[in-house]
Amino acid sequence: MINYTIANDIKAHADKEGGGYSSWYCGIASDPDQRLFNDHNVPKENAWWIKRNDENEQSARDTEEYLLNLGFGGGTGGGDYTTIHVYAYKKIYGTTQE
């Protein structure tokens, strides 16, 4: 089930930045800080990013898929049963989309 509270938070954050959803990447993770700041190389300061804790893995996956269908970059299928965090960041020079 899509968590519309999380989806709407992420959409509002992206809308506030104003670059369009295609300039953003979204994903799910068991450790969103590791994914954002190490794996994707997102700066902690002076960058647009957001993370939210979901209720369970399936809800996180459904919410991710919903955001992808809206035009966010990323892909499905990552993580495991501990993957309950949804995150997104503005793609800028130096970030990676792995």
Protein backbone atom coordinates (compact mmCIF):
# COMPACT_ATOMS: atom_id res chain seq x y z
CA MET A 1 0.00 0.00 0.00
CA ILE A 2 1.33 3.41 -0.95
CA ASN A 3 2.11 5.65 2.01
CA TYR A 4 0.66 8.89 0.67
CA THR A 5 1.91 10.87 3.67
CA ILE A 6 5.50 10.00 2.76
CA ALA A 7 4.89 10.36 -0.98
CA ASN A 8 3.32 13.79 -0.48
CA ASP A 9 6.18 14.92 1.80
CA ILE A 10 8.72 13.92 -0.84
CA LYS A 11 6.71 15.46 -3.69
CA ALA A 12 6.29 18.73 -1.75
CA HIS A 13 10.02 18.84 -1.02
CA ALA A 14 10.84 18.31 -4.70
CA ASP A 15 8.20 20.85 -5.75
CA LYS A 16 9.69 23.41 -3.37
CA GLU A 17 13.06 23.01 -5.11
CA GLY A 18 11.34 23.52 -8.45
CA GLY A 19 13.49 21.41 -10.78
CA GLY A 20 10.92 18.80 -11.75
CA TYR A 21 10.72 15.17 -10.65
CA SER A 22 13.06 13.94 -13.38
CA SER A 23 15.89 15.86 -11.70
CA TRP A 24 15.40 13.77 -8.55
CA TYR A 25 16.34 10.22 -7.58
CA CYS A 26 14.28 8.16 -5.13
CA GLY A 27 14.98 4.87 -3.47
CA ILE A 28 14.43 2.69 -0.43
CA ALA A 29 16.97 1.54 2.11
CA SER A 30 17.46 -0.11 5.46
CA ASP A 31 20.09 2.57 6.22
CA PRO A 32 19.12 5.76 4.39
CA ASP A 33 22.11 7.73 5.68
CA GLN A 34 24.48 5.16 4.19
CA ARG A 35 22.62 5.25 0.86
CA LEU A 36 22.34 9.03 0.68
CA PHE A 37 25.64 10.28 2.00
CA ASN A 38 28.01 7.43 1.12
CA ASP A 39 26.59 5.37 -1.75
CA HIS A 40 25.02 8.30 -3.63
CA ASN A 41 27.55 10.88 -2.42
CA VAL A 42 24.88 13.45 -1.52
CA PRO A 43 26.26 16.36 0.53
CA LYS A 44 24.66 16.63 3.97
CA GLU A 45 24.57 20.42 3.71
CA ASN A 46 23.66 22.70 0.83
CA ALA A 47 21.83 19.93 -1.03
CA TRP A 48 18.20 18.92 -1.48
CA TRP A 49 17.41 15.54 0.09
CA ILE A 50 14.69 13.97 2.21
CA LYS A 51 14.20 10.67 4.01
CA ARG A 52 11.19 9.17 5.73
CA ASN A 53 10.57 6.01 7.77
CA ASP A 54 7.76 3.85 6.45
CA GLU A 55 5.69 1.27 8.33
CA ASN A 56 6.98 -1.82 6.53
CA GLU A 57 8.92 -3.07 3.53
CA GLN A 58 5.94 -3.46 1.21
CA SER A 59 4.67 0.03 1.88
CA ALA A 60 8.16 1.45 1.23
CA ARG A 61 8.35 -0.48 -2.06
CA ASP A 62 4.89 0.65 -3.14
CA THR A 63 5.67 4.26 -2.26
CA GLU A 64 8.95 4.10 -4.18
CA GLU A 65 7.17 2.68 -7.24
CA TYR A 66 4.55 5.44 -7.03
CA LEU A 67 7.27 8.11 -7.05
CA LEU A 68 9.08 6.41 -9.93
CA ASN A 69 5.84 6.44 -11.92
CA LEU A 70 5.60 10.20 -11.32
CA GLY A 71 8.98 10.64 -13.01
CA PHE A 72 11.54 10.39 -10.22
CA GLY A 73 14.74 8.62 -11.23
CA GLY A 74 15.67 5.30 -9.67
CA GLY A 75 14.61 1.69 -9.93
CA THR A 76 12.77 -1.03 -8.07
CA GLY A 77 13.99 -4.29 -6.60
CA GLY A 78 16.64 -3.23 -4.10
CA GLY A 79 16.89 -4.02 -0.43
CA ASP A 80 15.47 -6.76 1.73
CA TYR A 81 12.84 -7.15 4.47
CA THR A 82 14.55 -4.45 6.60
CA THR A 83 14.17 -1.87 3.83
CA ILE A 84 11.57 0.46 5.35
CA HIS A 85 13.00 3.91 4.60
CA VAL A 86 12.10 5.97 1.53
CA TYR A 87 14.54 8.66 0.43
CA ALA A 88 15.02 11.11 -2.42
CA TYR A 89 17.61 13.62 -3.48
CA LYS A 90 18.14 16.23 -6.16
CA LYS A 91 20.65 14.94 -8.70
CA ILE A 92 23.57 17.35 -8.79
CA TYR A 93 27.16 17.19 -9.97
CA GLY A 94 29.03 14.61 -7.89
CA THR A 95 26.04 12.49 -6.85
CA THR A 96 25.72 8.96 -8.18
CA GLN A 97 22.64 7.01 -9.13
CA GLU A 98 23.69 3.47 -8.25
